Amino acid sequence: MFYTGRSWFLSVRLGEKFDNFALAIIPVLVGLLPNGTKVSSTSAGLCISIILENLKSNKLIPVITAYCSSNVKVIRRECASFLLNILRDWPKPVVARFSATCIPMTVKQCLYDTDQRTRNIAKDVFCEFAKSYPVLANGLMTELDTRRRQLLTNALRLNDQHIDLEQDALPQNTEKLDTTQKQQE
């Protein structure tokens, strides 16, 4: 509790000067996420969220994405939601450095996760990623199997987004899509 209360206060007050301490404290806080005591795990998650909200440093992106491959599903789920918050709230130039490397790899890894909630968060992460980096999202979409591709296409439609896929990446049932579009008109 001492770390969480002081850490979020310092991140609010110090801003960008807090990045080196954040690199040291985030692994400790991530270790508290699967804690059986709800107060500790909730306060650790909240503290990390507040740190990421106030400290927009590209040094933190590899740390968060590395924990998405953890053996503990709670850590994977929370880190996927942290990545979602990063893509939503952070300036695009800060995120752009890792947009072609670790972020697509992490999104793909979370889409194939065994936990359903992590996969649902990963769909939202992909939608945010597609808003900012449509070309990279297109490349990621072509790497996925047809089932995941269809799920992401449906998620993009629900979010009123559209990605122009290459011809080989389109679903096989385009006739069905054409008939539903004609019925809507």
C-alpha atoms as a PDB file:
ATOM      1  CA  MET A   1       0.000   0.000   0.000  1.00  0.00           C
ATOM      2  CA  PHE A   2       2.905   2.340   0.711  1.00  0.00           C
ATOM      3  CA  TYR A   3       4.235   1.979  -2.832  1.00  0.00           C
ATOM      4  CA  THR A   4       0.906   2.521  -4.516  1.00  0.00           C
ATOM      5  CA  GLY A   5      -0.147   5.646  -2.635  1.00  0.00           C
ATOM      6  CA  ARG A   6       3.175   7.389  -2.948  1.00  0.00           C
ATOM      7  CA  SER A   7       3.792   6.292  -6.533  1.00  0.00           C
ATOM      8  CA  TRP A   8       0.650   7.722  -8.036  1.00  0.00           C
ATOM      9  CA  PHE A   9       1.120  10.965  -6.085  1.00  0.00           C
ATOM     10  CA  LEU A  10       4.684  11.283  -7.348  1.00  0.00           C
ATOM     11  CA  SER A  11       3.649  10.512 -10.925  1.00  0.00           C
ATOM     12  CA  VAL A  12       1.068  13.301 -10.781  1.00  0.00           C
ATOM     13  CA  ARG A  13       3.475  15.812  -9.236  1.00  0.00           C
ATOM     14  CA  LEU A  14       6.687  14.983 -11.090  1.00  0.00           C
ATOM     15  CA  GLY A  15       5.312  14.038 -14.511  1.00  0.00           C
ATOM     16  CA  GLU A  16       8.086  13.192 -16.985  1.00  0.00           C
ATOM     17  CA  LYS A  17      10.775  13.336 -14.293  1.00  0.00           C
ATOM     18  CA  PHE A  18       9.211  10.242 -12.730  1.00  0.00           C
ATOM     19  CA  ASP A  19      10.095   7.835 -15.574  1.00  0.00           C
ATOM     20  CA  ASN A  20      13.187   6.180 -14.051  1.00  0.00           C
ATOM     21  CA  PHE A  21      11.389   5.482 -10.791  1.00  0.00           C
ATOM     22  CA  ALA A  22       8.373   4.205 -12.730  1.00  0.00           C
ATOM     23  CA  LEU A  23      10.596   1.700 -14.526  1.00  0.00           C
ATOM     24  CA  ALA A  24      11.663   0.391 -11.133  1.00  0.00           C
ATOM     25  CA  ILE A  25       8.248   0.398  -9.437  1.00  0.00           C
ATOM     26  CA  ILE A  26       6.023  -1.029 -12.203  1.00  0.00           C
ATOM     27  CA  PRO A  27       7.451  -4.581 -11.900  1.00  0.00           C
ATOM     28  CA  VAL A  28       6.709  -4.490  -8.164  1.00  0.00           C
ATOM     29  CA  LEU A  29       3.174  -3.286  -8.825  1.00  0.00           C
ATOM     30  CA  VAL A  30       2.603  -5.890 -11.545  1.00  0.00           C
ATOM     31  CA  GLY A  31       3.669  -8.520  -9.032  1.00  0.00           C
ATOM     32  CA  LEU A  32       0.815  -7.376  -6.789  1.00  0.00           C
ATOM     33  CA  LEU A  33      -1.855  -7.788  -9.486  1.00  0.00           C
ATOM     34  CA  PRO A  34      -2.497 -11.525  -8.909  1.00  0.00           C
ATOM     35  CA  ASN A  35      -2.480 -11.030  -5.139  1.00  0.00           C
ATOM     36  CA  GLY A  36      -5.346 -12.753  -3.335  1.00  0.00           C
ATOM     37  CA  THR A  37      -5.992  -9.648  -1.284  1.00  0.00           C
ATOM     38  CA  LYS A  38      -8.350  -7.543  -3.380  1.00  0.00           C
ATOM     39  CA  VAL A  39      -7.214  -4.267  -1.833  1.00  0.00           C
ATOM     40  CA  SER A  40      -3.594  -4.865  -2.852  1.00  0.00           C
ATOM     41  CA  SER A  41      -4.342  -6.051  -6.372  1.00  0.00           C
ATOM     42  CA  THR A  42      -6.883  -3.305  -7.062  1.00  0.00           C
ATOM     43  CA  SER A  43      -4.651  -0.548  -5.716  1.00  0.00           C
ATOM     44  CA  ALA A  44      -1.697  -1.854  -7.753  1.00  0.00           C
ATOM     45  CA  GLY A  45      -3.768  -1.832 -10.945  1.00  0.00           C
ATOM     46  CA  LEU A  46      -5.090   1.623 -10.205  1.00  0.00           C
ATOM     47  CA  CYS A  47      -1.614   2.904  -9.415  1.00  0.00           C
ATOM     48  CA  ILE A  48      -0.232   1.599 -12.716  1.00  0.00           C
ATOM     49  CA  SER A  49      -3.158   3.193 -14.562  1.00  0.00           C
ATOM     50  CA  ILE A  50      -2.519   6.555 -12.906  1.00  0.00           C
ATOM     51  CA  ILE A  51       1.206   6.327 -13.617  1.00  0.00           C
ATOM     52  CA  LEU A  52       0.518   5.577 -17.294  1.00  0.00           C
ATOM     53  CA  GLU A  53      -2.023   8.387 -17.418  1.00  0.00           C
ATOM     54  CA  ASN A  54       0.395  10.986 -16.057  1.00  0.00           C
ATOM     55  CA  LEU A  55       3.698   9.705 -17.414  1.00  0.00           C
ATOM     56  CA  LYS A  56       3.671   9.329 -21.175  1.00  0.00           C
ATOM     57  CA  SER A  57       7.139   7.915 -21.666  1.00  0.00           C
ATOM     58  CA  ASN A  58       7.930   5.487 -24.462  1.00  0.00           C
ATOM     59  CA  LYS A  59      10.247   3.639 -22.051  1.00  0.00           C
ATOM     60  CA  LEU A  60       7.180   2.116 -20.391  1.00  0.00           C
ATOM     61  CA  ILE A  61       5.671   0.505 -23.501  1.00  0.00           C
ATOM     62  CA  PRO A  62       8.154  -2.419 -23.691  1.00  0.00           C
ATOM     63  CA  VAL A  63       7.700  -3.048 -19.966  1.00  0.00           C
ATOM     64  CA  ILE A  64       3.918  -3.292 -20.283  1.00  0.00           C
ATOM     65  CA  THR A  65       4.006  -5.384 -23.459  1.00  0.00           C
ATOM     66  CA  ALA A  66       6.531  -7.778 -21.936  1.00  0.00           C
ATOM     67  CA  TYR A  67       4.106  -8.622 -19.147  1.00  0.00           C
ATOM     68  CA  CYS A  68       1.442  -9.586 -21.708  1.00  0.00           C
ATOM     69  CA  SER A  69       3.315 -12.867 -22.112  1.00  0.00           C
ATOM     70  CA  SER A  70       3.194 -13.698 -18.408  1.00  0.00           C
ATOM     71  CA  ASN A  71       2.085 -17.106 -17.146  1.00  0.00           C
ATOM     72  CA  VAL A  72      -0.542 -15.485 -14.913  1.00  0.00           C
ATOM     73  CA  LYS A  73      -3.807 -14.639 -16.688  1.00  0.00           C
ATOM     74  CA  VAL A  74      -4.620 -11.701 -14.393  1.00  0.00           C
ATOM     75  CA  ILE A  75      -1.331 -10.036 -15.330  1.00  0.00           C
ATOM     76  CA  ARG A  76      -1.921 -10.658 -19.042  1.00  0.00           C
ATOM     77  CA  ARG A  77      -5.456  -9.246 -18.827  1.00  0.00           C
ATOM     78  CA  GLU A  78      -4.468  -6.144 -16.871  1.00  0.00           C
ATOM     79  CA  CYS A  79      -1.458  -5.414 -19.081  1.00  0.00           C
ATOM     80  CA  ALA A  80      -3.673  -5.728 -22.173  1.00  0.00           C
ATOM     81  CA  SER A  81      -6.009  -3.140 -20.650  1.00  0.00           C
ATOM     82  CA  PHE A  82      -3.004  -0.930 -19.851  1.00  0.00           C
ATOM     83  CA  LEU A  83      -1.966  -1.191 -23.504  1.00  0.00           C
ATOM     84  CA  LEU A  84      -5.499  -0.202 -24.511  1.00  0.00           C
ATOM     85  CA  ASN A  85      -5.254   2.890 -22.312  1.00  0.00           C
ATOM     86  CA  ILE A  86      -1.858   3.724 -23.802  1.00  0.00           C
ATOM     87  CA  LEU A  87      -3.218   3.565 -27.349  1.00  0.00           C
ATOM     88  CA  ARG A  88      -6.286   5.641 -26.425  1.00  0.00           C
ATOM     89  CA  ASP A  89      -4.692   8.358 -24.304  1.00  0.00           C
ATOM     90  CA  TRP A  90      -1.060   8.783 -25.273  1.00  0.00           C
ATOM     91  CA  PRO A  91       0.120  11.076 -28.083  1.00  0.00           C
ATOM     92  CA  LYS A  92       0.747   9.231 -31.332  1.00  0.00           C
ATOM     93  CA  PRO A  93       4.419  10.312 -31.692  1.00  0.00           C
ATOM     94  CA  VAL A  94       5.244   8.673 -28.346  1.00  0.00           C
ATOM     95  CA  VAL A  95       3.585   5.389 -29.313  1.00  0.00           C
ATOM     96  CA  ALA A  96       4.865   5.453 -32.900  1.00  0.00           C
ATOM     97  CA  ARG A  97       8.310   4.210 -31.934  1.00  0.00           C
ATOM     98  CA  PHE A  98       6.890   0.804 -30.954  1.00  0.00           C
ATOM     99  CA  SER A  99       3.948   0.711 -33.357  1.00  0.00           C
ATOM    100  CA  ALA A 100       5.708  -1.566 -35.820  1.00  0.00           C
ATOM    101  CA  THR A 101       7.509  -3.839 -33.374  1.00  0.00           C
ATOM    102  CA  CYS A 102       6.232  -4.846 -29.975  1.00  0.00           C
ATOM    103  CA  ILE A 103       2.645  -3.544 -30.109  1.00  0.00           C
ATOM    104  CA  PRO A 104       1.464  -5.690 -33.077  1.00  0.00           C
ATOM    105  CA  MET A 105       3.223  -8.718 -31.620  1.00  0.00           C
ATOM    106  CA  THR A 106       1.504  -8.151 -28.274  1.00  0.00           C
ATOM    107  CA  VAL A 107      -1.904  -7.657 -29.881  1.00  0.00           C
ATOM    108  CA  LYS A 108      -1.492 -10.906 -31.795  1.00  0.00           C
ATOM    109  CA  GLN A 109      -0.398 -12.719 -28.664  1.00  0.00           C
ATOM    110  CA  CYS A 110      -3.390 -11.407 -26.705  1.00  0.00           C
ATOM    111  CA  LEU A 111      -5.787 -12.394 -29.501  1.00  0.00           C
ATOM    112  CA  TYR A 112      -4.634 -16.001 -29.101  1.00  0.00           C
ATOM    113  CA  ASP A 113      -4.780 -15.913 -25.281  1.00  0.00           C
ATOM    114  CA  THR A 114      -6.570 -18.668 -23.371  1.00  0.00           C
ATOM    115  CA  ASP A 115      -8.550 -16.160 -21.275  1.00  0.00           C
ATOM    116  CA  GLN A 116     -11.739 -14.900 -22.941  1.00  0.00           C
ATOM    117  CA  ARG A 117     -11.626 -11.503 -21.229  1.00  0.00           C
ATOM    118  CA  THR A 118      -8.058 -10.941 -22.432  1.00  0.00           C
ATOM    119  CA  ARG A 119      -9.137 -11.760 -25.995  1.00  0.00           C
ATOM    120  CA  ASN A 120     -12.026  -9.287 -25.727  1.00  0.00           C
ATOM    121  CA  ILE A 121      -9.668  -6.569 -24.526  1.00  0.00           C
ATOM    122  CA  ALA A 122      -7.301  -7.480 -27.374  1.00  0.00           C
ATOM    123  CA  LYS A 123     -10.091  -6.833 -29.894  1.00  0.00           C
ATOM    124  CA  ASP A 124     -10.498  -3.335 -28.450  1.00  0.00           C
ATOM    125  CA  VAL A 125      -6.731  -2.857 -28.517  1.00  0.00           C
ATOM    126  CA  PHE A 126      -6.713  -3.842 -32.186  1.00  0.00           C
ATOM    127  CA  CYS A 127      -9.491  -1.349 -32.970  1.00  0.00           C
ATOM    128  CA  GLU A 128      -7.515   1.450 -31.310  1.00  0.00           C
ATOM    129  CA  PHE A 129      -4.374   0.315 -33.107  1.00  0.00           C
ATOM    130  CA  ALA A 130      -6.252   0.328 -36.418  1.00  0.00           C
ATOM    131  CA  LYS A 131      -7.437   3.905 -35.836  1.00  0.00           C
ATOM    132  CA  SER A 132      -3.906   5.196 -35.480  1.00  0.00           C
ATOM    133  CA  TYR A 133      -1.955   2.826 -37.710  1.00  0.00           C
ATOM    134  CA  PRO A 134      -4.235   1.360 -40.415  1.00  0.00           C
ATOM    135  CA  VAL A 135      -1.398   0.099 -42.614  1.00  0.00           C
ATOM    136  CA  LEU A 136       0.216  -1.792 -39.724  1.00  0.00           C
ATOM    137  CA  ALA A 137      -3.194  -3.106 -38.641  1.00  0.00           C
ATOM    138  CA  ASN A 138      -3.723  -4.373 -42.173  1.00  0.00           C
ATOM    139  CA  GLY A 139      -0.399  -6.198 -42.008  1.00  0.00           C
ATOM    140  CA  LEU A 140      -1.308  -7.708 -38.662  1.00  0.00           C
ATOM    141  CA  MET A 141      -4.702  -8.758 -39.994  1.00  0.00           C
ATOM    142  CA  THR A 142      -3.091 -10.693 -42.842  1.00  0.00           C
ATOM    143  CA  GLU A 143      -1.001 -12.682 -40.352  1.00  0.00           C
ATOM    144  CA  LEU A 144      -4.055 -13.964 -38.472  1.00  0.00           C
ATOM    145  CA  ASP A 145      -6.136 -17.029 -39.212  1.00  0.00           C
ATOM    146  CA  THR A 146      -9.562 -16.583 -40.829  1.00  0.00           C
ATOM    147  CA  ARG A 147     -11.501 -16.976 -37.583  1.00  0.00           C
ATOM    148  CA  ARG A 148      -9.567 -14.223 -35.805  1.00  0.00           C
ATOM    149  CA  ARG A 149      -9.716 -12.080 -38.931  1.00  0.00           C
ATOM    150  CA  GLN A 150     -13.504 -12.380 -39.026  1.00  0.00           C
ATOM    151  CA  LEU A 151     -13.787 -11.531 -35.306  1.00  0.00           C
ATOM    152  CA  LEU A 152     -11.671  -8.421 -35.785  1.00  0.00           C
ATOM    153  CA  THR A 153     -13.618  -7.397 -38.881  1.00  0.00           C
ATOM    154  CA  ASN A 154     -16.840  -7.625 -36.891  1.00  0.00           C
ATOM    155  CA  ALA A 155     -15.286  -5.652 -34.024  1.00  0.00           C
ATOM    156  CA  LEU A 156     -14.186  -2.943 -36.457  1.00  0.00           C
ATOM    157  CA  ARG A 157     -17.705  -2.754 -37.900  1.00  0.00           C
ATOM    158  CA  LEU A 158     -19.144  -2.336 -34.412  1.00  0.00           C
ATOM    159  CA  ASN A 159     -16.735   0.548 -33.827  1.00  0.00           C
ATOM    160  CA  ASP A 160     -17.636   2.132 -37.202  1.00  0.00           C
ATOM    161  CA  GLN A 161     -14.158   1.596 -38.570  1.00  0.00           C
ATOM    162  CA  HIS A 162     -13.037   0.085 -41.820  1.00  0.00           C
ATOM    163  CA  ILE A 163      -9.684  -1.246 -42.907  1.00  0.00           C
ATOM    164  CA  ASP A 164      -9.049  -1.865 -46.586  1.00  0.00           C
ATOM    165  CA  LEU A 165      -7.624  -5.336 -46.654  1.00  0.00           C
ATOM    166  CA  GLU A 166      -5.609  -6.775 -49.451  1.00  0.00           C
ATOM    167  CA  GLN A 167      -7.491  -9.187 -51.711  1.00  0.00           C
ATOM    168  CA  ASP A 168      -5.912 -12.324 -50.244  1.00  0.00           C
ATOM    169  CA  ALA A 169      -6.906 -11.206 -46.745  1.00  0.00           C
ATOM    170  CA  LEU A 170     -10.622 -10.873 -47.507  1.00  0.00           C
ATOM    171  CA  PRO A 171     -13.035 -13.470 -46.083  1.00  0.00           C
ATOM    172  CA  GLN A 172     -14.126 -16.183 -48.466  1.00  0.00           C
ATOM    173  CA  ASN A 173     -17.866 -15.427 -48.196  1.00  0.00           C
ATOM    174  CA  THR A 174     -17.964 -12.048 -49.916  1.00  0.00           C
ATOM    175  CA  GLU A 175     -21.316 -12.899 -51.545  1.00  0.00           C
ATOM    176  CA  LYS A 176     -22.941 -13.039 -48.124  1.00  0.00           C
ATOM    177  CA  LEU A 177     -21.453  -9.670 -47.238  1.00  0.00           C
ATOM    178  CA  ASP A 178     -22.728  -8.147 -50.504  1.00  0.00           C
ATOM    179  CA  THR A 179     -26.293  -9.363 -49.920  1.00  0.00           C
ATOM    180  CA  THR A 180     -26.374  -7.954 -46.385  1.00  0.00           C
ATOM    181  CA  GLN A 181     -25.122  -4.608 -47.632  1.00  0.00           C
ATOM    182  CA  LYS A 182     -27.850  -4.516 -50.332  1.00  0.00           C
ATOM    183  CA  GLN A 183     -30.511  -5.337 -47.748  1.00  0.00           C
ATOM    184  CA  GLN A 184     -29.371  -2.466 -45.556  1.00  0.00           C
ATOM    185  CA  GLU A 185     -29.673  -0.007 -48.458  1.00  0.00           C
END
